[in-house]
């Protein structure tokens, strides 16, 4: 299937590893120009080099997405480097799963407000695009209560609501907005790889909850993200795509 991405411009936060990195790689493989950001400058540089090797324009900067000015500056620099913006993917999470006030603060600034600010900063370019889309990475923890903390689940649920609201508001322009809710996703350097060695009992419990007997891989989530963001999904807006290997028990109607 041709996703219609060749020559389009995509911005991905947290694009140096994990789900975000695979999203950026698939965009580039499909011929889209890509800009990424992440906190580690060395990892951003390495990712940009790999993306450029695919024959597309790639750009990246070290950014703390909780820093409003820095995030907005990256969006503007990305638009200049790529010649515009067609798609944005808000992927960064603070992964604040504790049950304390600090988790609420971190989740608000990183998970929620970085998404709001990314959308607002990119809007002048999205409004000029003929294939504009916004995708937020939520979580199955936003669908049901689980072993994560209350702040994490609440903000992930808020992202789904925010995307649906945007979809309705922007439909006439048309700018599409969707959410993707992954289940537990394993990759080297990720949170579950850390838990596997640091808290093996929790890892074993989480693994046992999934009927597939395994956790997801970042590329499996990324394929869904890129499809939703692409023109191939042109009539899909306001939805929440759950990619969890049947982990969650609730039926999404």
C-alpha atoms as a PDB file:
ATOM      1  CA  UNK A   1       0.000   0.000   0.000  1.00  0.00           C
ATOM      2  CA  UNK A   2       1.231   3.465  -0.920  1.00  0.00           C
ATOM      3  CA  UNK A   3       0.735   5.631   2.174  1.00  0.00           C
ATOM      4  CA  UNK A   4       1.099   8.825   0.140  1.00  0.00           C
ATOM      5  CA  UNK A   5       3.920  10.137   2.324  1.00  0.00           C
ATOM      6  CA  UNK A   6       6.578  10.893  -0.284  1.00  0.00           C
ATOM      7  CA  UNK A   7       7.674  14.522   0.008  1.00  0.00           C
ATOM      8  CA  UNK A   8       5.561  15.290   3.083  1.00  0.00           C
ATOM      9  CA  UNK A   9       7.105  16.739   6.276  1.00  0.00           C
ATOM     10  CA  UNK A  10       6.772  15.091   9.701  1.00  0.00           C
ATOM     11  CA  UNK A  11       7.783  16.196  13.214  1.00  0.00           C
ATOM     12  CA  UNK A  12       8.258  13.568  15.910  1.00  0.00           C
ATOM     13  CA  UNK A  13       9.022  14.355  19.534  1.00  0.00           C
ATOM     14  CA  UNK A  14      11.087  11.771  21.359  1.00  0.00           C
ATOM     15  CA  UNK A  15      12.331  10.489  18.017  1.00  0.00           C
ATOM     16  CA  UNK A  16      15.762   9.199  19.000  1.00  0.00           C
ATOM     17  CA  UNK A  17      14.719   5.776  20.322  1.00  0.00           C
ATOM     18  CA  UNK A  18      11.815   3.454  21.000  1.00  0.00           C
ATOM     19  CA  UNK A  19       8.442   4.069  19.385  1.00  0.00           C
ATOM     20  CA  UNK A  20       9.372   7.589  18.261  1.00  0.00           C
ATOM     21  CA  UNK A  21      12.537   6.425  16.522  1.00  0.00           C
ATOM     22  CA  UNK A  22      10.654   3.723  14.631  1.00  0.00           C
ATOM     23  CA  UNK A  23       7.958   6.226  13.652  1.00  0.00           C
ATOM     24  CA  UNK A  24      10.638   8.510  12.225  1.00  0.00           C
ATOM     25  CA  UNK A  25      12.336   5.594  10.437  1.00  0.00           C
ATOM     26  CA  UNK A  26       9.092   4.475   8.785  1.00  0.00           C
ATOM     27  CA  UNK A  27       8.266   8.029   7.716  1.00  0.00           C
ATOM     28  CA  UNK A  28      11.701   8.298   6.123  1.00  0.00           C
ATOM     29  CA  UNK A  29      11.434   4.871   4.486  1.00  0.00           C
ATOM     30  CA  UNK A  30       8.160   6.043   2.920  1.00  0.00           C
ATOM     31  CA  UNK A  31       9.865   9.138   1.520  1.00  0.00           C
ATOM     32  CA  UNK A  32       8.777  11.739   4.071  1.00  0.00           C
ATOM     33  CA  UNK A  33      11.167  14.378   5.393  1.00  0.00           C
ATOM     34  CA  UNK A  34      11.523  14.149   9.160  1.00  0.00           C
ATOM     35  CA  UNK A  35      12.491  16.281  12.142  1.00  0.00           C
ATOM     36  CA  UNK A  36      12.975  14.802  15.596  1.00  0.00           C
ATOM     37  CA  UNK A  37      13.818  16.043  19.047  1.00  0.00           C
ATOM     38  CA  UNK A  38      14.900  14.386  22.275  1.00  0.00           C
ATOM     39  CA  UNK A  39      16.887  15.400  25.338  1.00  0.00           C
ATOM     40  CA  UNK A  40      20.119  13.561  24.478  1.00  0.00           C
ATOM     41  CA  UNK A  41      22.002  15.483  21.801  1.00  0.00           C
ATOM     42  CA  UNK A  42      24.265  12.603  20.853  1.00  0.00           C
ATOM     43  CA  UNK A  43      21.317  10.267  20.318  1.00  0.00           C
ATOM     44  CA  UNK A  44      19.532  12.902  18.238  1.00  0.00           C
ATOM     45  CA  UNK A  45      22.615  13.376  16.053  1.00  0.00           C
ATOM     46  CA  UNK A  46      22.946   9.635  15.480  1.00  0.00           C
ATOM     47  CA  UNK A  47      19.275   9.291  14.599  1.00  0.00           C
ATOM     48  CA  UNK A  48      19.364  12.221  12.175  1.00  0.00           C
ATOM     49  CA  UNK A  49      22.371  10.682  10.442  1.00  0.00           C
ATOM     50  CA  UNK A  50      20.530   7.374  10.026  1.00  0.00           C
ATOM     51  CA  UNK A  51      17.410   9.095   8.736  1.00  0.00           C
ATOM     52  CA  UNK A  52      19.391  11.178   6.243  1.00  0.00           C
ATOM     53  CA  UNK A  53      20.944   7.996   4.870  1.00  0.00           C
ATOM     54  CA  UNK A  54      17.492   7.059   3.574  1.00  0.00           C
ATOM     55  CA  UNK A  55      17.682   9.912   1.081  1.00  0.00           C
ATOM     56  CA  UNK A  56      15.307  12.347   2.783  1.00  0.00           C
ATOM     57  CA  UNK A  57      15.849  15.639   4.563  1.00  0.00           C
ATOM     58  CA  UNK A  58      16.318  15.009   8.271  1.00  0.00           C
ATOM     59  CA  UNK A  59      16.681  17.529  11.076  1.00  0.00           C
ATOM     60  CA  UNK A  60      16.937  17.266  14.832  1.00  0.00           C
ATOM     61  CA  UNK A  61      17.720  19.149  18.009  1.00  0.00           C
ATOM     62  CA  UNK A  62      18.243  18.364  21.682  1.00  0.00           C
ATOM     63  CA  UNK A  63      15.090  19.663  23.376  1.00  0.00           C
ATOM     64  CA  UNK A  64      13.365  19.254  26.718  1.00  0.00           C
ATOM     65  CA  UNK A  65       9.753  19.282  25.514  1.00  0.00           C
ATOM     66  CA  UNK A  66       8.582  20.552  28.894  1.00  0.00           C
ATOM     67  CA  UNK A  67      10.397  23.813  28.035  1.00  0.00           C
ATOM     68  CA  UNK A  68       7.797  25.808  26.078  1.00  0.00           C
ATOM     69  CA  UNK A  69      10.254  28.197  24.417  1.00  0.00           C
ATOM     70  CA  UNK A  70      12.630  25.409  23.401  1.00  0.00           C
ATOM     71  CA  UNK A  71       9.820  23.304  21.952  1.00  0.00           C
ATOM     72  CA  UNK A  72       8.398  26.196  19.969  1.00  0.00           C
ATOM     73  CA  UNK A  73      11.874  27.087  18.667  1.00  0.00           C
ATOM     74  CA  UNK A  74      12.383  23.492  17.496  1.00  0.00           C
ATOM     75  CA  UNK A  75       9.054  23.519  15.633  1.00  0.00           C
ATOM     76  CA  UNK A  76       9.988  26.744  13.851  1.00  0.00           C
ATOM     77  CA  UNK A  77      13.481  25.486  13.019  1.00  0.00           C
ATOM     78  CA  UNK A  78      12.019  22.199  11.770  1.00  0.00           C
ATOM     79  CA  UNK A  79       9.564  23.982   9.482  1.00  0.00           C
ATOM     80  CA  UNK A  80      12.411  26.042   8.058  1.00  0.00           C
ATOM     81  CA  UNK A  81      14.617  22.983   7.533  1.00  0.00           C
ATOM     82  CA  UNK A  82      11.904  20.849   5.939  1.00  0.00           C
ATOM     83  CA  UNK A  83      10.062  23.582   4.069  1.00  0.00           C
ATOM     84  CA  UNK A  84       6.877  23.256   6.094  1.00  0.00           C
ATOM     85  CA  UNK A  85       4.994  20.830   8.341  1.00  0.00           C
ATOM     86  CA  UNK A  86       2.324  18.304   7.337  1.00  0.00           C
ATOM     87  CA  UNK A  87       2.255  15.891  10.283  1.00  0.00           C
ATOM     88  CA  UNK A  88       3.124  16.075  13.965  1.00  0.00           C
ATOM     89  CA  UNK A  89       3.495  13.141  16.337  1.00  0.00           C
ATOM     90  CA  UNK A  90       3.561  13.923  20.066  1.00  0.00           C
ATOM     91  CA  UNK A  91       5.388  10.937  21.496  1.00  0.00           C
ATOM     92  CA  UNK A  92       7.256  12.059  24.634  1.00  0.00           C
ATOM     93  CA  UNK A  93       6.122  10.956  28.080  1.00  0.00           C
ATOM     94  CA  UNK A  94       7.578  11.687  31.486  1.00  0.00           C
ATOM     95  CA  UNK A  95       6.674   8.092  32.421  1.00  0.00           C
ATOM     96  CA  UNK A  96       5.753   9.464  35.831  1.00  0.00           C
ATOM     97  CA  UNK A  97       4.047   6.446  37.371  1.00  0.00           C
ATOM     98  CA  UNK A  98       4.498   7.213  41.062  1.00  0.00           C
ATOM     99  CA  UNK A  99       1.542   8.106  43.260  1.00  0.00           C
ATOM    100  CA  UNK A 100       2.742  11.513  44.383  1.00  0.00           C
ATOM    101  CA  UNK A 101       2.427  15.193  43.531  1.00  0.00           C
ATOM    102  CA  UNK A 102       5.687  15.186  41.574  1.00  0.00           C
ATOM    103  CA  UNK A 103       4.182  12.692  39.115  1.00  0.00           C
ATOM    104  CA  UNK A 104       1.208  15.003  38.525  1.00  0.00           C
ATOM    105  CA  UNK A 105       3.565  17.926  37.871  1.00  0.00           C
ATOM    106  CA  UNK A 106       5.806  15.952  35.505  1.00  0.00           C
ATOM    107  CA  UNK A 107       2.919  14.429  33.577  1.00  0.00           C
ATOM    108  CA  UNK A 108       1.194  17.779  33.179  1.00  0.00           C
ATOM    109  CA  UNK A 109       4.208  19.560  31.725  1.00  0.00           C
ATOM    110  CA  UNK A 110       5.649  16.694  29.671  1.00  0.00           C
ATOM    111  CA  UNK A 111       2.788  14.457  28.554  1.00  0.00           C
ATOM    112  CA  UNK A 112      -0.065  16.940  28.316  1.00  0.00           C
ATOM    113  CA  UNK A 113       1.300  20.448  27.786  1.00  0.00           C
ATOM    114  CA  UNK A 114       4.058  19.381  25.393  1.00  0.00           C
ATOM    115  CA  UNK A 115       1.310  17.933  23.176  1.00  0.00           C
ATOM    116  CA  UNK A 116      -0.807  21.087  23.404  1.00  0.00           C
ATOM    117  CA  UNK A 117       2.186  23.324  22.705  1.00  0.00           C
ATOM    118  CA  UNK A 118       3.389  21.172  19.804  1.00  0.00           C
ATOM    119  CA  UNK A 119      -0.022  21.444  18.169  1.00  0.00           C
ATOM    120  CA  UNK A 120      -0.274  25.183  18.752  1.00  0.00           C
ATOM    121  CA  UNK A 121       3.240  25.861  17.486  1.00  0.00           C
ATOM    122  CA  UNK A 122       2.774  23.752  14.353  1.00  0.00           C
ATOM    123  CA  UNK A 123      -0.709  25.027  13.523  1.00  0.00           C
ATOM    124  CA  UNK A 124       0.348  27.863  11.175  1.00  0.00           C
ATOM    125  CA  UNK A 125       2.046  25.285   8.931  1.00  0.00           C
ATOM    126  CA  UNK A 126      -0.598  22.577   9.349  1.00  0.00           C
ATOM    127  CA  UNK A 127      -3.232  25.056   8.178  1.00  0.00           C
ATOM    128  CA  UNK A 128      -1.319  25.416   4.896  1.00  0.00           C
ATOM    129  CA  UNK A 129      -0.949  21.676   4.341  1.00  0.00           C
ATOM    130  CA  UNK A 130      -3.179  19.574   2.104  1.00  0.00           C
ATOM    131  CA  UNK A 131      -2.418  16.457   4.183  1.00  0.00           C
ATOM    132  CA  UNK A 132      -2.325  17.747   7.760  1.00  0.00           C
ATOM    133  CA  UNK A 133      -2.535  15.375  10.698  1.00  0.00           C
ATOM    134  CA  UNK A 134      -1.872  15.332  14.438  1.00  0.00           C
ATOM    135  CA  UNK A 135      -1.179  12.115  16.332  1.00  0.00           C
ATOM    136  CA  UNK A 136      -0.693  11.787  20.083  1.00  0.00           C
ATOM    137  CA  UNK A 137       0.779   8.718  21.749  1.00  0.00           C
ATOM    138  CA  UNK A 138      -1.443   7.851  24.678  1.00  0.00           C
ATOM    139  CA  UNK A 139      -1.472   4.497  26.519  1.00  0.00           C
ATOM    140  CA  UNK A 140      -3.788   1.678  27.479  1.00  0.00           C
ATOM    141  CA  UNK A 141      -3.331   3.046  31.009  1.00  0.00           C
ATOM    142  CA  UNK A 142      -5.684   5.817  29.900  1.00  0.00           C
ATOM    143  CA  UNK A 143      -8.405   3.231  29.158  1.00  0.00           C
ATOM    144  CA  UNK A 144      -8.398   1.322  32.431  1.00  0.00           C
ATOM    145  CA  UNK A 145      -6.794   1.515  35.851  1.00  0.00           C
ATOM    146  CA  UNK A 146      -3.712  -0.665  36.175  1.00  0.00           C
ATOM    147  CA  UNK A 147      -0.492  -0.835  38.160  1.00  0.00           C
ATOM    148  CA  UNK A 148       0.680   2.582  36.956  1.00  0.00           C
ATOM    149  CA  UNK A 149       0.062   5.659  39.085  1.00  0.00           C
ATOM    150  CA  UNK A 150      -3.105   7.788  38.897  1.00  0.00           C
ATOM    151  CA  UNK A 151      -1.402  10.763  37.232  1.00  0.00           C
ATOM    152  CA  UNK A 152      -0.035   8.709  34.332  1.00  0.00           C
ATOM    153  CA  UNK A 153      -3.399   7.184  33.487  1.00  0.00           C
ATOM    154  CA  UNK A 154      -5.276  10.450  33.899  1.00  0.00           C
ATOM    155  CA  UNK A 155      -3.020  12.362  31.514  1.00  0.00           C
ATOM    156  CA  UNK A 156      -3.051   9.567  28.939  1.00  0.00           C
ATOM    157  CA  UNK A 157      -6.861   9.626  29.021  1.00  0.00           C
ATOM    158  CA  UNK A 158      -6.759  13.407  28.655  1.00  0.00           C
ATOM    159  CA  UNK A 159      -4.689  13.093  25.484  1.00  0.00           C
ATOM    160  CA  UNK A 160      -7.339  10.893  23.860  1.00  0.00           C
ATOM    161  CA  UNK A 161     -10.030  13.420  24.782  1.00  0.00           C
ATOM    162  CA  UNK A 162      -7.890  16.291  23.482  1.00  0.00           C
ATOM    163  CA  UNK A 163      -7.337  14.561  20.129  1.00  0.00           C
ATOM    164  CA  UNK A 164     -11.045  13.904  19.697  1.00  0.00           C
ATOM    165  CA  UNK A 165     -11.838  17.522  20.481  1.00  0.00           C
ATOM    166  CA  UNK A 166      -9.286  18.686  17.928  1.00  0.00           C
ATOM    167  CA  UNK A 167     -10.691  16.296  15.334  1.00  0.00           C
ATOM    168  CA  UNK A 168     -14.139  17.837  15.637  1.00  0.00           C
ATOM    169  CA  UNK A 169     -12.852  21.395  15.780  1.00  0.00           C
ATOM    170  CA  UNK A 170     -10.490  21.071  12.822  1.00  0.00           C
ATOM    171  CA  UNK A 171     -12.451  18.711  10.577  1.00  0.00           C
ATOM    172  CA  UNK A 172     -13.589  21.415   8.171  1.00  0.00           C
ATOM    173  CA  UNK A 173     -10.061  22.655   7.460  1.00  0.00           C
ATOM    174  CA  UNK A 174      -9.358  19.630   7.155  1.00  0.00           C
ATOM    175  CA  UNK A 175      -6.770  18.708   9.788  1.00  0.00           C
ATOM    176  CA  UNK A 176      -7.066  15.211  11.218  1.00  0.00           C
ATOM    177  CA  UNK A 177      -6.291  14.298  14.848  1.00  0.00           C
ATOM    178  CA  UNK A 178      -5.983  10.821  16.337  1.00  0.00           C
ATOM    179  CA  UNK A 179      -4.501   9.015  19.318  1.00  0.00           C
ATOM    180  CA  UNK A 180      -2.624   5.722  19.535  1.00  0.00           C
ATOM    181  CA  UNK A 181      -2.695   3.760  22.790  1.00  0.00           C
ATOM    182  CA  UNK A 182       0.083   1.183  23.023  1.00  0.00           C
ATOM    183  CA  UNK A 183       0.212  -1.582  25.568  1.00  0.00           C
ATOM    184  CA  UNK A 184       3.449  -2.552  27.290  1.00  0.00           C
ATOM    185  CA  UNK A 185       6.208  -2.071  24.727  1.00  0.00           C
ATOM    186  CA  UNK A 186       9.677  -3.551  25.142  1.00  0.00           C
ATOM    187  CA  UNK A 187      12.923  -2.259  23.649  1.00  0.00           C
ATOM    188  CA  UNK A 188      16.522  -1.981  24.800  1.00  0.00           C
ATOM    189  CA  UNK A 189      16.962   1.215  26.780  1.00  0.00           C
ATOM    190  CA  UNK A 190      13.232   1.453  27.435  1.00  0.00           C
ATOM    191  CA  UNK A 191      11.290   1.396  30.687  1.00  0.00           C
ATOM    192  CA  UNK A 192      10.398  -2.294  30.482  1.00  0.00           C
ATOM    193  CA  UNK A 193      13.993  -3.322  29.831  1.00  0.00           C
ATOM    194  CA  UNK A 194      14.884  -1.440  33.013  1.00  0.00           C
ATOM    195  CA  UNK A 195      12.057  -3.081  34.948  1.00  0.00           C
ATOM    196  CA  UNK A 196      13.098  -6.507  33.669  1.00  0.00           C
ATOM    197  CA  UNK A 197      16.358  -6.241  35.607  1.00  0.00           C
ATOM    198  CA  UNK A 198      15.358  -3.798  38.362  1.00  0.00           C
ATOM    199  CA  UNK A 199      11.982  -5.244  39.323  1.00  0.00           C
ATOM    200  CA  UNK A 200      11.699  -8.750  37.848  1.00  0.00           C
ATOM    201  CA  UNK A 201       8.528  -9.575  39.790  1.00  0.00           C
ATOM    202  CA  UNK A 202       6.662  -6.637  38.236  1.00  0.00           C
ATOM    203  CA  UNK A 203       8.027  -7.564  34.803  1.00  0.00           C
ATOM    204  CA  UNK A 204       6.801 -11.148  35.206  1.00  0.00           C
ATOM    205  CA  UNK A 205       3.370  -9.936  36.344  1.00  0.00           C
ATOM    206  CA  UNK A 206       3.035  -7.541  33.408  1.00  0.00           C
ATOM    207  CA  UNK A 207       4.142 -10.181  30.927  1.00  0.00           C
ATOM    208  CA  UNK A 208       1.610 -12.671  32.275  1.00  0.00           C
ATOM    209  CA  UNK A 209      -1.261 -10.218  31.733  1.00  0.00           C
ATOM    210  CA  UNK A 210      -0.908 -10.273  27.950  1.00  0.00           C
ATOM    211  CA  UNK A 211      -2.674 -13.142  26.139  1.00  0.00           C
ATOM    212  CA  UNK A 212       0.062 -13.149  23.497  1.00  0.00           C
ATOM    213  CA  UNK A 213       2.662 -14.043  26.121  1.00  0.00           C
ATOM    214  CA  UNK A 214       4.901 -11.137  25.173  1.00  0.00           C
ATOM    215  CA  UNK A 215       5.145  -7.373  25.100  1.00  0.00           C
ATOM    216  CA  UNK A 216       4.826  -5.299  21.962  1.00  0.00           C
ATOM    217  CA  UNK A 217       7.751  -4.147  19.855  1.00  0.00           C
ATOM    218  CA  UNK A 218       8.143  -0.452  19.058  1.00  0.00           C
ATOM    219  CA  UNK A 219       7.958  -1.017  15.318  1.00  0.00           C
ATOM    220  CA  UNK A 220       4.562  -2.700  15.762  1.00  0.00           C
ATOM    221  CA  UNK A 221       3.188   0.440  17.378  1.00  0.00           C
ATOM    222  CA  UNK A 222       5.000   2.732  14.958  1.00  0.00           C
ATOM    223  CA  UNK A 223       3.343   1.163  11.913  1.00  0.00           C
ATOM    224  CA  UNK A 224      -0.062   2.083  13.317  1.00  0.00           C
ATOM    225  CA  UNK A 225       1.079   5.610  14.122  1.00  0.00           C
ATOM    226  CA  UNK A 226       2.425   6.232  10.628  1.00  0.00           C
ATOM    227  CA  UNK A 227      -0.679   4.810   8.968  1.00  0.00           C
ATOM    228  CA  UNK A 228      -2.979   7.067  11.008  1.00  0.00           C
ATOM    229  CA  UNK A 229      -0.798  10.077  10.247  1.00  0.00           C
ATOM    230  CA  UNK A 230      -0.625   9.342   6.519  1.00  0.00           C
ATOM    231  CA  UNK A 231      -2.950  10.378   3.674  1.00  0.00           C
ATOM    232  CA  UNK A 232      -3.823   6.675   3.302  1.00  0.00           C
ATOM    233  CA  UNK A 233      -5.924   7.172   6.456  1.00  0.00           C
ATOM    234  CA  UNK A 234      -7.583  10.321   5.128  1.00  0.00           C
ATOM    235  CA  UNK A 235     -11.066   9.642   6.551  1.00  0.00           C
ATOM    236  CA  UNK A 236      -9.879   8.557   9.985  1.00  0.00           C
ATOM    237  CA  UNK A 237     -10.015  11.312  12.564  1.00  0.00           C
ATOM    238  CA  UNK A 238     -11.053  11.475  16.193  1.00  0.00           C
ATOM    239  CA  UNK A 239     -10.181   7.839  16.854  1.00  0.00           C
ATOM    240  CA  UNK A 240      -8.002   6.067  19.406  1.00  0.00           C
ATOM    241  CA  UNK A 241      -6.100   3.117  17.951  1.00  0.00           C
ATOM    242  CA  UNK A 242      -5.306   0.544  20.646  1.00  0.00           C
ATOM    243  CA  UNK A 243      -2.236  -1.583  19.889  1.00  0.00           C
ATOM    244  CA  UNK A 244      -1.854  -3.876  22.865  1.00  0.00           C
ATOM    245  CA  UNK A 245      -2.020  -7.550  21.876  1.00  0.00           C
ATOM    246  CA  UNK A 246      -5.431  -7.860  23.590  1.00  0.00           C
ATOM    247  CA  UNK A 247      -3.934  -6.745  26.909  1.00  0.00           C
ATOM    248  CA  UNK A 248      -6.878  -4.567  27.955  1.00  0.00           C
ATOM    249  CA  UNK A 249     -10.162  -6.239  28.824  1.00  0.00           C
ATOM    250  CA  UNK A 250     -12.529  -3.401  28.029  1.00  0.00           C
ATOM    251  CA  UNK A 251     -14.389  -3.446  24.717  1.00  0.00           C
ATOM    252  CA  UNK A 252     -13.868  -0.247  22.710  1.00  0.00           C
ATOM    253  CA  UNK A 253     -17.208   0.556  21.087  1.00  0.00           C
END
